[in-house]
Amino acid sequence: MNLSRSVPQLSIVIVAYKSRDEIGPCLASLPSALDGRPVEIIVVDNSPGDGAGDLIRARFPGVDYVPAEKNLGFGRANNLGYARSSGECVLFLNPDTICNEAALAHCAGRVRAERDIGLISPKLVLADGGMDPACRRSLPTLWDGFCRASGLAAAFPRTRLFAGYNLTWRPDDGTYDVGAINGAFMLARRDVLAKTGLFDERFFMYGDDLDLCVRVARAGYRIVYDGRVQITHL
């Protein structure tokens, strides 16, 4: 694929909501370029007036800051940010994350090289150092839900029969296909999203990330977890 070096390799769409204390460290952790091509950052603010916009304008003038007229919800705001983006790859990222160039370059590099990957996530690590289990999930079944709700999954986290919901029986530092990843970090090529569609705006919040994973998989693409690189999810 011959792309002008002026076209961003990666567009990062962040939906903020009362994120005044989180958005600064998040934006500061993002690189301005990958492989010599620019990184484009769009912040859609679902709660303008809380001070996040003033901070972004003052400290991060290169960010495309979009104050919403009202709280649009997660999916609709992400779709608005996507419509303003132009990158070869698009990352939907939560504001309560701390990223690093290595993880972004690795994930973007994989989806560009492996054309059958539809969505990818690195390992998400919580503030206490533990893993955020939602970054790799199966498509939940009634059995998986029962095991999670009853405590069987927590009691036997390394047993495949009981630990299917968050796939805790699989290695944290490995890479493999999964049923779904977390909306806190979802990276895809633009051509994949053009084929599958974006977030279903009938979901105001929660479930929309799982729905997108289902549609990407049904379109014939892989959903990949890559625990060899990681970011922090506060």
Protein backbone atom coordinates (compact mmCIF):
# COMPACT_ATOMS: atom_id res chain seq x y z
CA MET A 1 0.00 0.00 0.00
CA ASN A 2 1.57 3.26 -1.12
CA LEU A 3 0.59 6.00 1.26
CA SER A 4 1.96 9.50 1.45
CA ARG A 5 4.12 10.01 4.52
CA SER A 6 1.91 12.96 5.37
CA VAL A 7 -1.09 10.66 5.93
CA PRO A 8 -1.16 9.65 9.60
CA GLN A 9 -0.20 6.07 10.25
CA LEU A 10 -2.45 6.18 13.30
CA SER A 11 -5.44 8.24 14.38
CA ILE A 12 -6.26 8.04 18.09
CA VAL A 13 -9.85 8.79 19.10
CA ILE A 14 -10.46 9.49 22.79
CA VAL A 15 -13.89 10.03 24.32
CA ALA A 16 -13.63 12.10 27.49
CA TYR A 17 -16.23 12.39 30.23
CA LYS A 18 -15.29 14.27 33.40
CA SER A 19 -11.70 13.43 32.51
CA ARG A 20 -9.93 16.62 33.63
CA ASP A 21 -7.54 14.74 35.91
CA GLU A 22 -6.88 11.86 33.51
CA ILE A 23 -6.60 13.39 30.06
CA GLY A 24 -3.28 15.19 30.60
CA PRO A 25 -1.20 12.12 31.49
CA CYS A 26 -2.96 10.16 28.75
CA LEU A 27 -2.15 12.68 26.01
CA ALA A 28 1.40 13.14 27.31
CA SER A 29 1.99 9.39 26.87
CA LEU A 30 1.12 9.42 23.16
CA PRO A 31 3.82 9.82 20.49
CA SER A 32 3.56 12.49 17.82
CA ALA A 33 4.73 10.11 15.09
CA LEU A 34 5.23 6.42 14.29
CA ASP A 35 7.74 5.26 11.67
CA GLY A 36 8.22 8.85 10.52
CA ARG A 37 4.51 9.39 9.88
CA PRO A 38 2.32 11.61 12.07
CA VAL A 39 -0.03 10.40 14.78
CA GLU A 40 -3.37 12.20 14.76
CA ILE A 41 -5.23 12.67 18.06
CA ILE A 42 -8.91 13.58 18.37
CA VAL A 43 -10.62 14.12 21.73
CA VAL A 44 -14.42 14.21 21.82
CA ASP A 45 -15.46 15.71 25.15
CA ASN A 46 -18.85 14.52 26.42
CA SER A 47 -18.65 16.86 29.43
CA PRO A 48 -17.26 20.20 28.17
CA GLY A 49 -16.94 22.75 30.92
CA ASP A 50 -15.10 20.57 33.44
CA GLY A 51 -11.73 22.07 32.53
CA ALA A 52 -10.44 19.30 30.29
CA GLY A 53 -10.84 21.45 27.19
CA ASP A 54 -8.86 24.34 28.69
CA LEU A 55 -6.06 21.94 29.63
CA ILE A 56 -5.95 20.41 26.16
CA ARG A 57 -5.92 23.76 24.37
CA ALA A 58 -3.13 25.04 26.62
CA ARG A 59 -0.86 21.99 26.79
CA PHE A 60 -1.71 20.00 23.66
CA PRO A 61 -2.52 22.48 20.87
CA GLY A 62 -2.00 19.82 18.20
CA VAL A 63 -4.94 17.79 19.48
CA ASP A 64 -8.24 18.12 17.63
CA TYR A 65 -10.53 18.95 20.55
CA VAL A 66 -14.26 18.49 19.92
CA PRO A 67 -16.67 19.66 22.66
CA ALA A 68 -19.97 17.82 22.38
CA GLU A 69 -23.21 19.74 22.83
CA LYS A 70 -24.40 17.02 25.22
CA ASN A 71 -23.29 13.63 26.47
CA LEU A 72 -23.43 11.60 23.27
CA GLY A 73 -22.56 8.28 24.87
CA PHE A 74 -19.49 6.18 24.18
CA GLY A 75 -20.23 4.78 20.73
CA ARG A 76 -21.71 7.89 19.16
CA ALA A 77 -18.84 10.07 20.40
CA ASN A 78 -16.28 7.57 19.08
CA ASN A 79 -18.02 7.57 15.72
CA LEU A 80 -17.89 11.37 15.66
CA GLY A 81 -14.16 11.29 16.34
CA TYR A 82 -13.64 8.64 13.68
CA ALA A 83 -15.43 10.82 11.10
CA ARG A 84 -12.84 13.56 11.74
CA SER A 85 -9.86 11.20 11.45
CA SER A 86 -7.76 10.29 8.44
CA GLY A 87 -5.20 7.72 9.61
CA GLU A 88 -4.44 4.39 7.98
CA CYS A 89 -5.13 2.81 11.39
CA VAL A 90 -7.54 3.98 14.07
CA LEU A 91 -7.25 3.46 17.81
CA PHE A 92 -10.24 3.93 20.10
CA LEU A 93 -8.64 4.74 23.45
CA ASN A 94 -9.99 5.55 26.90
CA PRO A 95 -8.72 8.72 28.64
CA ASP A 96 -7.78 6.77 31.78
CA THR A 97 -4.89 5.04 30.03
CA ILE A 98 -1.13 5.60 29.95
CA CYS A 99 0.34 4.40 26.66
CA ASN A 100 3.83 4.04 25.27
CA GLU A 101 5.27 4.21 21.77
CA ALA A 102 6.46 0.60 21.76
CA ALA A 103 3.00 -0.83 22.37
CA LEU A 104 1.35 1.46 19.82
CA ALA A 105 3.97 0.75 17.16
CA HIS A 106 3.75 -2.99 17.78
CA CYS A 107 -0.04 -3.16 17.54
CA ALA A 108 -0.24 -0.86 14.52
CA GLY A 109 2.54 -2.81 12.85
CA ARG A 110 0.72 -6.09 13.30
CA VAL A 111 -2.59 -4.94 11.83
CA ARG A 112 -0.76 -3.38 8.87
CA ALA A 113 1.28 -6.53 8.22
CA GLU A 114 -1.34 -9.18 9.03
CA ARG A 115 -4.31 -8.26 6.90
CA ASP A 116 -6.59 -10.82 8.50
CA ILE A 117 -6.45 -9.05 11.88
CA GLY A 118 -9.52 -6.94 12.45
CA LEU A 119 -8.95 -5.65 15.99
CA ILE A 120 -6.02 -5.89 18.38
CA SER A 121 -5.30 -5.07 22.01
CA PRO A 122 -2.14 -5.25 24.12
CA LYS A 123 -2.18 -6.35 27.73
CA LEU A 124 -3.93 -3.76 29.91
CA VAL A 125 -2.36 -3.42 33.34
CA LEU A 126 -4.16 -1.79 36.27
CA ALA A 127 -2.63 0.81 38.59
CA ASP A 128 -1.82 -1.88 41.17
CA GLY A 129 0.13 -3.87 38.59
CA GLY A 130 -2.51 -6.52 38.10
CA MET A 131 -3.94 -7.38 34.73
CA ASP A 132 -7.25 -5.92 33.59
CA PRO A 133 -8.98 -9.18 32.64
CA ALA A 134 -11.44 -7.46 30.29
CA CYS A 135 -8.72 -6.90 27.67
CA ARG A 136 -9.14 -10.51 26.49
CA ARG A 137 -12.51 -12.20 26.60
CA SER A 138 -14.47 -14.96 24.98
CA LEU A 139 -17.83 -14.27 23.44
CA PRO A 140 -19.77 -15.00 26.63
CA THR A 141 -22.00 -18.05 26.85
CA LEU A 142 -24.53 -18.88 29.55
CA TRP A 143 -22.01 -21.33 31.01
CA ASP A 144 -19.25 -18.72 31.11
CA GLY A 145 -21.61 -16.27 32.78
CA PHE A 146 -22.65 -18.84 35.35
CA CYS A 147 -19.03 -19.69 36.17
CA ARG A 148 -18.16 -16.04 36.58
CA ALA A 149 -21.21 -15.19 38.72
CA SER A 150 -20.95 -18.31 40.89
CA GLY A 151 -17.27 -17.86 41.69
CA LEU A 152 -16.09 -20.95 39.84
CA ALA A 153 -13.99 -18.83 37.47
CA ALA A 154 -12.29 -17.07 40.38
CA ALA A 155 -11.74 -20.33 42.25
CA PHE A 156 -10.26 -22.12 39.23
CA PRO A 157 -8.71 -19.36 37.08
CA ARG A 158 -6.38 -21.75 35.24
CA THR A 159 -9.04 -24.32 34.41
CA ARG A 160 -10.35 -23.95 30.89
CA LEU A 161 -13.76 -25.41 31.70
CA PHE A 162 -14.51 -22.74 34.30
CA ALA A 163 -12.40 -19.75 33.18
CA GLY A 164 -13.73 -19.14 29.70
CA TYR A 165 -15.19 -15.68 30.33
CA ASN A 166 -11.87 -13.83 30.79
CA LEU A 167 -9.65 -16.59 29.39
CA THR A 168 -7.50 -16.62 32.53
CA TRP A 169 -6.37 -20.13 31.64
CA ARG A 170 -4.34 -18.65 28.78
CA PRO A 171 -0.87 -17.04 29.29
CA ASP A 172 -0.98 -13.33 30.13
CA ASP A 173 2.18 -12.60 28.12
CA GLY A 174 1.23 -14.58 25.03
CA THR A 175 -0.55 -13.62 21.84
CA TYR A 176 -3.59 -15.40 20.44
CA ASP A 177 -7.04 -14.92 18.96
CA VAL A 178 -9.86 -14.11 21.37
CA GLY A 179 -13.58 -13.50 21.14
CA ALA A 180 -13.49 -9.86 22.24
CA ILE A 181 -11.28 -7.09 23.59
CA ASN A 182 -12.01 -4.07 25.76
CA GLY A 183 -13.27 -0.71 24.49
CA ALA A 184 -10.47 0.95 26.47
CA PHE A 185 -8.07 0.02 23.63
CA MET A 186 -9.30 -1.15 20.23
CA LEU A 187 -7.00 -0.71 17.25
CA ALA A 188 -7.98 -1.49 13.65
CA ARG A 189 -7.15 -0.56 10.09
CA ARG A 190 -9.49 1.96 8.54
CA ASP A 191 -10.41 -0.40 5.71
CA VAL A 192 -11.66 -2.97 8.23
CA LEU A 193 -13.94 -0.45 9.94
CA ALA A 194 -15.17 0.79 6.57
CA LYS A 195 -16.31 -2.76 5.84
CA THR A 196 -17.77 -3.70 9.24
CA GLY A 197 -19.19 -0.36 10.36
CA LEU A 198 -18.46 1.53 13.55
CA PHE A 199 -20.06 1.44 17.00
CA ASP A 200 -23.79 0.82 17.09
CA GLU A 201 -25.16 4.08 18.49
CA ARG A 202 -28.18 2.31 20.01
CA PHE A 203 -25.79 1.37 22.80
CA PHE A 204 -25.28 4.42 25.02
CA MET A 205 -22.49 2.77 27.00
CA TYR A 206 -21.30 -0.80 27.64
CA GLY A 207 -21.82 -3.70 25.26
CA ASP A 208 -20.91 -1.61 22.23
CA ASP A 209 -17.32 -2.87 22.23
CA LEU A 210 -18.50 -6.49 22.36
CA ASP A 211 -20.96 -5.82 19.54
CA LEU A 212 -18.21 -4.35 17.35
CA CYS A 213 -16.01 -7.38 18.00
CA VAL A 214 -18.84 -9.70 16.95
CA ARG A 215 -19.35 -7.83 13.66
CA VAL A 216 -15.63 -7.71 12.92
CA ALA A 217 -15.37 -11.47 13.49
CA ARG A 218 -18.44 -12.16 11.34
CA ALA A 219 -16.78 -10.22 8.54
CA GLY A 220 -13.99 -12.80 8.60
CA TYR A 221 -11.36 -10.95 10.61
CA ARG A 222 -9.43 -12.06 13.69
CA ILE A 223 -9.68 -10.43 17.12
CA VAL A 224 -6.18 -10.57 18.62
CA TYR A 225 -4.78 -10.15 22.12
CA ASP A 226 -1.03 -9.47 22.25
CA GLY A 227 0.33 -9.64 25.79
CA ARG A 228 3.92 -9.14 24.70
CA VAL A 229 3.36 -5.39 24.98
CA GLN A 230 1.30 -3.52 27.55
CA ILE A 231 -0.23 -0.20 28.55
CA THR A 232 -1.72 1.00 31.85
CA HIS A 233 -5.49 1.23 32.29
CA LEU A 234 -6.29 3.20 35.42
